């Protein structure tokens, strides 16, 4: 029973936050307990008026810690937030620092209900607490601080909760763009394979039938037809392999659409400009992966306000440039950058990274165009 009480529920607030944040956020809820220190400091500013405050406060704090854990790791968040608010009213006659419980409840309401309901609940709670405070004949300064702090923290968390919802919707849009781009590419490859194999198999069937008719009275002609069948089959196999390689390719247009969603959801203005360039599937994949790696680094590390991507056709070469106005500085090559360089150089290309502290970063990829284009 006790183990079940402390088990993390899959629908808990912590699980939702971990799904969209890095591992460093796992201890963030418990860091917020630092504000509960005012529960124990406030009685010292009352001139000894609340001599018996310690034991009721310690008892309430033990209950609060259990409720705090359940709010973040359990499922019934609204009931827990109301229970914490009730603790604030119950402790008020012994300790004016019980305002801390009210502030925590105001902070938790936005994670339990919608925006309008949160505003009404926060307003009702601070109003009720102000009335209870007035009835207890406690100095006005404590009541005012509780109302102001509770309202401010509640409004801040309403805004943060709305941002979390918006980010979640943008992540879904980002994944949908990738999924639709992959689906469109698979459909294109499917059509290509159908056309290719339909023609090739028809030719193989025709030549095989002709060879079977010639084998009795003209063996050399039959042999020639079978050699043609072998050549057609090998060519078809090569074309199928090229088509399958294209199926695994990442589309540059889809990657740019995903980059726009990723950066603009993080407050970075993004623009791109593409010239008409005939690329092989391998080249398009390498350029798309370069965009993905560079944009990921911008989002995580650059602290940029603007970013741009341009694709240029430069006299038998294609040039891809990714720029940002972030903090720049020394670049430490990691697995992503090294992998990008290896892929580019395997196609005879060149990767150049220029980063100046305070002036942003510029990544340039140059690839030779396919022969005949």
Protein backbone atom coordinates (compact mmCIF):
# COMPACT_ATOMS: atom_id res chain seq x y z
CA UNK A 1 0.00 0.00 0.00
CA UNK A 2 2.77 2.45 0.94
CA UNK A 3 4.74 1.62 -2.22
CA UNK A 4 1.67 2.26 -4.37
CA UNK A 5 1.22 5.62 -2.68
CA UNK A 6 4.64 6.83 -3.84
CA UNK A 7 4.54 5.28 -7.32
CA UNK A 8 4.66 7.73 -10.23
CA UNK A 9 1.41 7.72 -12.19
CA UNK A 10 1.79 7.70 -16.01
CA UNK A 11 -0.54 10.71 -16.23
CA UNK A 12 1.28 12.69 -13.53
CA UNK A 13 2.65 16.19 -13.96
CA UNK A 14 6.24 14.91 -13.66
CA UNK A 15 5.75 12.38 -16.48
CA UNK A 16 4.34 15.09 -18.76
CA UNK A 17 7.25 17.41 -17.99
CA UNK A 18 9.89 14.70 -18.45
CA UNK A 19 8.46 13.87 -21.87
CA UNK A 20 9.23 17.41 -23.07
CA UNK A 21 12.30 18.46 -21.06
CA UNK A 22 15.83 17.21 -20.51
CA UNK A 23 16.94 15.08 -17.59
CA UNK A 24 18.15 18.09 -15.59
CA UNK A 25 14.50 18.99 -14.90
CA UNK A 26 13.82 15.85 -12.85
CA UNK A 27 14.63 17.61 -9.54
CA UNK A 28 12.96 20.91 -10.44
CA UNK A 29 9.70 20.30 -8.48
CA UNK A 30 11.61 19.71 -5.26
CA UNK A 31 13.68 22.86 -5.73
CA UNK A 32 10.41 24.80 -5.44
CA UNK A 33 10.20 23.69 -1.81
CA UNK A 34 12.72 26.40 -0.97
CA UNK A 35 9.85 28.90 -0.79
CA UNK A 36 8.32 26.98 2.12
CA UNK A 37 11.08 28.41 4.33
CA UNK A 38 8.79 31.41 5.01
CA UNK A 39 6.49 29.07 6.88
CA UNK A 40 9.15 28.82 9.58
CA UNK A 41 10.61 32.32 9.34
CA UNK A 42 7.43 34.41 9.57
CA UNK A 43 6.68 33.68 13.29
CA UNK A 44 10.01 35.24 14.26
CA UNK A 45 8.80 38.58 12.89
CA UNK A 46 5.64 38.66 15.02
CA UNK A 47 7.32 39.65 18.29
CA UNK A 48 6.55 36.37 20.09
CA UNK A 49 2.81 36.65 19.49
CA UNK A 50 2.64 33.02 18.32
CA UNK A 51 4.62 31.19 21.00
CA UNK A 52 3.13 27.76 20.29
CA UNK A 53 3.57 27.83 16.50
CA UNK A 54 6.30 25.19 16.11
CA UNK A 55 4.53 21.85 16.66
CA UNK A 56 1.37 22.67 14.67
CA UNK A 57 3.63 23.93 11.87
CA UNK A 58 5.78 20.80 11.85
CA UNK A 59 2.69 18.58 11.79
CA UNK A 60 1.14 20.54 8.92
CA UNK A 61 4.44 20.53 7.05
CA UNK A 62 4.65 16.73 7.14
CA UNK A 63 1.19 16.58 5.58
CA UNK A 64 2.20 19.25 3.06
CA UNK A 65 5.24 17.26 1.91
CA UNK A 66 3.06 14.23 1.27
CA UNK A 67 0.55 16.34 -0.68
CA UNK A 68 3.37 18.03 -2.60
CA UNK A 69 4.71 14.65 -3.66
CA UNK A 70 1.25 13.49 -4.72
CA UNK A 71 0.61 16.63 -6.73
CA UNK A 72 3.68 16.06 -8.89
CA UNK A 73 3.70 12.26 -9.04
CA UNK A 74 0.01 11.40 -8.71
CA UNK A 75 -3.11 11.99 -10.75
CA UNK A 76 -5.71 13.83 -8.60
CA UNK A 77 -4.01 17.22 -8.74
CA UNK A 78 -7.04 19.42 -8.05
CA UNK A 79 -7.95 17.54 -4.85
CA UNK A 80 -4.35 17.85 -3.67
CA UNK A 81 -4.23 21.61 -4.41
CA UNK A 82 -7.45 22.14 -2.45
CA UNK A 83 -6.06 20.09 0.45
CA UNK A 84 -2.94 22.31 0.54
CA UNK A 85 -5.20 25.40 0.59
CA UNK A 86 -7.13 23.85 3.50
CA UNK A 87 -3.83 23.45 5.37
CA UNK A 88 -3.31 27.20 5.03
CA UNK A 89 -6.67 27.96 6.67
CA UNK A 90 -6.15 25.33 9.40
CA UNK A 91 -2.70 26.61 10.42
CA UNK A 92 -3.58 30.31 10.30
CA UNK A 93 -4.52 30.68 14.02
CA UNK A 94 -1.08 29.32 15.06
CA UNK A 95 1.20 30.69 12.35
CA UNK A 96 0.69 33.64 9.95
CA UNK A 97 3.30 31.98 7.69
CA UNK A 98 0.50 29.65 6.60
CA UNK A 99 0.21 32.08 3.68
CA UNK A 100 2.91 29.86 2.09
CA UNK A 101 0.34 27.07 1.68
CA UNK A 102 -2.07 29.48 0.00
CA UNK A 103 0.63 30.63 -2.42
CA UNK A 104 1.49 27.02 -3.28
CA UNK A 105 -2.20 26.28 -3.92
CA UNK A 106 -2.48 29.33 -6.20
CA UNK A 107 0.63 28.14 -8.06
CA UNK A 108 -0.86 24.65 -8.51
CA UNK A 109 -4.34 25.62 -9.76
CA UNK A 110 -3.22 26.35 -13.37
CA UNK A 111 -1.98 22.75 -13.66
CA UNK A 112 -5.35 21.36 -12.57
CA UNK A 113 -7.89 23.26 -14.72
CA UNK A 114 -8.36 25.66 -17.62
CA UNK A 115 -7.36 29.31 -17.72
CA UNK A 116 -10.73 30.81 -16.77
CA UNK A 117 -11.32 28.32 -13.97
CA UNK A 118 -7.79 28.94 -12.67
CA UNK A 119 -8.35 32.70 -12.55
CA UNK A 120 -11.64 32.28 -10.68
CA UNK A 121 -10.15 29.76 -8.25
CA UNK A 122 -7.12 31.92 -7.48
CA UNK A 123 -9.30 34.99 -6.96
CA UNK A 124 -11.72 33.10 -4.71
CA UNK A 125 -8.92 31.55 -2.65
CA UNK A 126 -7.02 34.78 -1.95
CA UNK A 127 -10.30 36.58 -1.17
CA UNK A 128 -11.38 33.86 1.28
CA UNK A 129 -7.94 33.86 2.89
CA UNK A 130 -8.01 37.65 3.22
CA UNK A 131 -11.36 37.41 5.03
CA UNK A 132 -10.06 34.68 7.34
CA UNK A 133 -6.97 36.76 8.00
CA UNK A 134 -9.05 39.82 8.86
CA UNK A 135 -11.17 37.75 11.21
CA UNK A 136 -8.03 36.49 12.98
CA UNK A 137 -6.87 40.07 13.64
CA UNK A 138 -3.43 39.46 12.10
CA UNK A 139 -1.29 42.42 10.88
CA UNK A 140 -2.30 43.58 7.43
CA UNK A 141 1.20 43.31 5.95
CA UNK A 142 1.09 39.50 6.00
CA UNK A 143 -2.31 39.37 4.34
CA UNK A 144 -1.27 41.79 1.60
CA UNK A 145 1.89 39.81 0.84
CA UNK A 146 -0.11 36.59 0.61
CA UNK A 147 -2.66 38.10 -1.79
CA UNK A 148 -0.04 39.73 -4.01
CA UNK A 149 2.33 36.77 -4.07
CA UNK A 150 -0.48 34.22 -4.57
CA UNK A 151 -2.02 36.19 -7.41
CA UNK A 152 1.31 36.87 -9.10
CA UNK A 153 2.52 33.27 -8.91
CA UNK A 154 -0.84 31.98 -10.10
CA UNK A 155 -0.89 34.33 -13.11
CA UNK A 156 2.71 33.43 -13.98
CA UNK A 157 1.89 29.72 -13.95
CA UNK A 158 -1.21 30.30 -16.07
CA UNK A 159 1.04 31.85 -18.70
CA UNK A 160 3.58 29.06 -18.37
CA UNK A 161 0.85 26.41 -18.70
CA UNK A 162 -0.45 28.06 -21.87
CA UNK A 163 3.08 28.08 -23.29
CA UNK A 164 3.43 24.38 -22.49
CA UNK A 165 0.20 23.65 -24.36
CA UNK A 166 1.35 25.73 -27.34
CA UNK A 167 4.72 23.97 -27.40
CA UNK A 168 2.98 20.59 -27.31
CA UNK A 169 0.80 21.57 -30.27
CA UNK A 170 3.85 22.77 -32.20
CA UNK A 171 5.65 19.51 -31.48
CA UNK A 172 2.66 17.60 -32.82
CA UNK A 173 2.66 19.80 -35.93
CA UNK A 174 6.39 19.23 -36.32
CA UNK A 175 5.92 15.45 -36.17
CA UNK A 176 2.95 15.62 -38.54
CA UNK A 177 4.99 17.50 -41.15
CA UNK A 178 7.65 14.79 -41.00
CA UNK A 179 5.06 12.03 -41.19
CA UNK A 180 3.27 13.55 -44.19
CA UNK A 181 6.55 14.19 -45.99
CA UNK A 182 7.62 10.59 -45.43
CA UNK A 183 4.21 9.34 -46.60
CA UNK A 184 4.36 11.44 -49.79
CA UNK A 185 7.86 10.15 -50.51
CA UNK A 186 6.81 6.53 -50.00
CA UNK A 187 3.87 7.02 -52.36
CA UNK A 188 6.18 8.53 -55.00
CA UNK A 189 8.63 5.64 -54.66
CA UNK A 190 5.74 3.19 -54.86
CA UNK A 191 4.58 4.72 -58.15
CA UNK A 192 8.12 4.67 -59.51
CA UNK A 193 8.58 1.02 -58.57
CA UNK A 194 5.24 0.11 -60.13
CA UNK A 195 6.14 1.81 -63.42
CA UNK A 196 9.66 0.41 -63.42
CA UNK A 197 8.82 -3.19 -62.57
CA UNK A 198 5.72 -3.24 -64.77
CA UNK A 199 7.76 -2.32 -67.86
CA UNK A 200 10.73 -4.54 -66.96
CA UNK A 201 8.72 -7.65 -66.14
CA UNK A 202 6.71 -7.26 -69.32
CA UNK A 203 9.95 -7.13 -71.31
CA UNK A 204 11.37 -10.14 -69.44
CA UNK A 205 8.19 -12.14 -70.10
CA UNK A 206 8.21 -11.22 -73.80
CA UNK A 207 11.87 -12.11 -74.36
CA UNK A 208 11.59 -15.33 -72.33
CA UNK A 209 8.63 -16.45 -74.43
CA UNK A 210 10.51 -15.61 -77.62
CA UNK A 211 13.58 -17.53 -76.46
CA UNK A 212 11.48 -20.60 -75.68
CA UNK A 213 10.13 -20.54 -79.25
CA UNK A 214 13.60 -20.14 -80.80
CA UNK A 215 15.47 -22.69 -78.72
CA UNK A 216 14.39 -25.62 -80.94
CA UNK A 217 15.39 -24.33 -84.39
CA UNK A 218 17.66 -21.32 -83.68
CA UNK A 219 19.66 -21.88 -80.46
CA UNK A 220 21.97 -18.89 -81.06
CA UNK A 221 19.03 -16.49 -81.35
CA UNK A 222 17.47 -18.03 -78.23
CA UNK A 223 20.78 -17.56 -76.39
CA UNK A 224 20.85 -13.94 -77.49
CA UNK A 225 17.34 -13.35 -76.14
CA UNK A 226 18.26 -14.93 -72.79
CA UNK A 227 21.34 -12.69 -72.58
CA UNK A 228 19.03 -9.73 -73.15
CA UNK A 229 16.78 -11.00 -70.34
CA UNK A 230 19.80 -11.20 -68.03
CA UNK A 231 20.86 -7.64 -68.92
CA UNK A 232 17.35 -6.28 -68.40
CA UNK A 233 17.12 -8.01 -65.01
CA UNK A 234 20.45 -6.56 -63.84
CA UNK A 235 19.46 -3.07 -64.94
CA UNK A 236 16.11 -3.43 -63.18
CA UNK A 237 17.87 -4.53 -60.00
CA UNK A 238 20.12 -1.46 -60.13
CA UNK A 239 17.12 0.84 -60.63
CA UNK A 240 15.26 -0.78 -57.75
CA UNK A 241 18.26 -0.25 -55.49
CA UNK A 242 18.39 3.43 -56.49
CA UNK A 243 14.67 3.76 -55.81
CA UNK A 244 15.02 2.14 -52.38
CA UNK A 245 17.89 4.51 -51.58
CA UNK A 246 15.55 7.36 -52.49
CA UNK A 247 12.95 5.92 -50.14
CA UNK A 248 15.41 6.23 -47.27
CA UNK A 249 16.32 9.78 -48.29
CA UNK A 250 15.28 12.76 -46.21
CA UNK A 251 13.55 15.52 -48.17
CA UNK A 252 15.13 18.96 -47.94
CA UNK A 253 11.77 20.75 -48.20
CA UNK A 254 10.29 18.67 -45.38
CA UNK A 255 13.36 19.31 -43.21
CA UNK A 256 13.06 23.07 -43.76
CA UNK A 257 9.39 23.00 -42.78
CA UNK A 258 10.30 21.11 -39.61
CA UNK A 259 13.11 23.59 -38.92
CA UNK A 260 10.67 26.50 -39.15
CA UNK A 261 8.33 24.88 -36.63
CA UNK A 262 11.17 24.02 -34.25
CA UNK A 263 12.82 27.46 -34.26
CA UNK A 264 9.70 29.63 -34.31
CA UNK A 265 8.25 27.64 -31.39
CA UNK A 266 11.41 28.72 -29.51
CA UNK A 267 11.04 32.39 -30.51
CA UNK A 268 13.65 32.37 -33.30
CA UNK A 269 12.67 34.05 -36.59
CA UNK A 270 13.47 31.73 -39.50
CA UNK A 271 13.60 32.26 -43.24
CA UNK A 272 14.95 30.27 -46.16
CA UNK A 273 15.60 30.79 -49.87
CA UNK A 274 16.12 27.92 -52.33
CA UNK A 275 17.23 28.09 -55.94
CA UNK A 276 16.22 25.40 -58.42
CA UNK A 277 19.01 22.83 -58.23
CA UNK A 278 18.97 19.26 -59.59
CA UNK A 279 20.22 17.05 -56.74
CA UNK A 280 20.69 13.32 -56.53
CA UNK A 281 18.80 11.54 -53.71
CA UNK A 282 22.09 11.05 -51.83
CA UNK A 283 22.95 14.75 -52.06
CA UNK A 284 19.49 15.85 -50.96
CA UNK A 285 19.70 13.52 -47.97
CA UNK A 286 23.10 14.87 -46.94
CA UNK A 287 21.92 18.49 -47.23
CA UNK A 288 18.71 17.75 -45.32
CA UNK A 289 20.66 16.09 -42.50
CA UNK A 290 23.05 19.06 -42.42
CA UNK A 291 20.06 21.40 -42.01
CA UNK A 292 18.68 19.21 -39.24
CA UNK A 293 21.96 19.14 -37.30
CA UNK A 294 22.61 22.88 -37.70
CA UNK A 295 19.06 23.88 -36.75
CA UNK A 296 19.13 21.60 -33.70
CA UNK A 297 22.35 23.28 -32.55
CA UNK A 298 20.79 26.72 -33.08
CA UNK A 299 17.75 25.78 -31.01
CA UNK A 300 19.79 24.23 -28.18
CA UNK A 301 22.90 26.39 -27.92
CA UNK A 302 22.93 29.56 -30.05
CA UNK A 303 20.43 31.77 -28.16
CA UNK A 304 19.72 33.40 -31.51
CA UNK A 305 16.93 35.76 -32.56
CA UNK A 306 17.23 35.15 -36.33
CA UNK A 307 18.30 32.21 -38.48
CA UNK A 308 18.33 31.61 -42.22
CA UNK A 309 19.02 28.89 -44.79
CA UNK A 310 19.93 29.48 -48.43
CA UNK A 311 20.64 27.09 -51.31
CA UNK A 312 22.63 28.39 -54.31
CA UNK A 313 23.72 26.97 -57.66
CA UNK A 314 27.36 28.03 -58.10
CA UNK A 315 28.99 26.93 -61.38
CA UNK A 316 28.84 23.12 -61.21
CA UNK A 317 28.49 23.21 -57.44
CA UNK A 318 25.68 23.65 -54.95
CA UNK A 319 26.15 25.72 -51.80
CA UNK A 320 23.99 25.41 -48.67
CA UNK A 321 24.40 28.07 -45.98
CA UNK A 322 22.86 28.05 -42.50
CA UNK A 323 23.37 31.23 -40.48
CA UNK A 324 22.27 32.58 -37.10
CA UNK A 325 22.92 35.70 -35.04
CA UNK A 326 23.49 33.84 -31.78
CA UNK A 327 26.37 33.87 -29.35
CA UNK A 328 28.85 32.11 -31.67
CA UNK A 329 32.23 31.36 -30.13
CA UNK A 330 34.48 28.31 -30.30
CA UNK A 331 32.86 25.23 -31.81
CA UNK A 332 33.68 21.92 -30.10
CA UNK A 333 33.22 19.15 -32.71
CA UNK A 334 30.79 16.52 -31.45
CA UNK A 335 29.32 13.38 -32.95
CA UNK A 336 26.75 15.37 -34.93
CA UNK A 337 29.28 17.72 -36.55
CA UNK A 338 31.76 14.93 -37.25
CA UNK A 339 29.05 12.77 -38.78
CA UNK A 340 27.92 15.70 -40.94
CA UNK A 341 31.48 16.26 -42.18
CA UNK A 342 31.96 12.57 -43.02
CA UNK A 343 28.72 12.40 -45.02
CA UNK A 344 29.59 15.55 -46.96
CA UNK A 345 33.16 14.51 -47.74
CA UNK A 346 31.99 11.06 -48.87
CA UNK A 347 30.21 12.86 -51.75
CA UNK A 348 33.26 14.97 -52.59
CA UNK A 349 31.96 18.01 -50.75
CA UNK A 350 33.32 20.46 -48.20
CA UNK A 351 32.01 21.63 -44.82
CA UNK A 352 33.00 24.99 -43.37
CA UNK A 353 31.93 26.38 -39.99
CA UNK A 354 32.62 30.01 -39.03
CA UNK A 355 31.70 31.10 -35.52
CA UNK A 356 32.62 34.51 -34.07
CA UNK A 357 31.84 35.20 -30.43
CA UNK A 358 28.86 37.52 -30.19
CA UNK A 359 28.28 37.56 -33.96
CA UNK A 360 26.70 34.18 -34.61
CA UNK A 361 27.60 31.07 -36.58
CA UNK A 362 27.70 30.32 -40.31
CA UNK A 363 27.71 26.76 -41.64
CA UNK A 364 28.42 26.27 -45.35
CA UNK A 365 28.13 22.97 -47.23
CA UNK A 366 29.47 22.75 -50.79
CA UNK A 367 28.77 19.74 -53.01
CA UNK A 368 29.65 19.07 -56.66
CA UNK A 369 26.58 18.75 -58.87
CA UNK A 370 25.93 15.42 -60.60
CA UNK A 371 27.53 15.05 -64.03
CA UNK A 372 25.27 16.16 -66.87
CA UNK A 373 23.14 18.49 -64.75
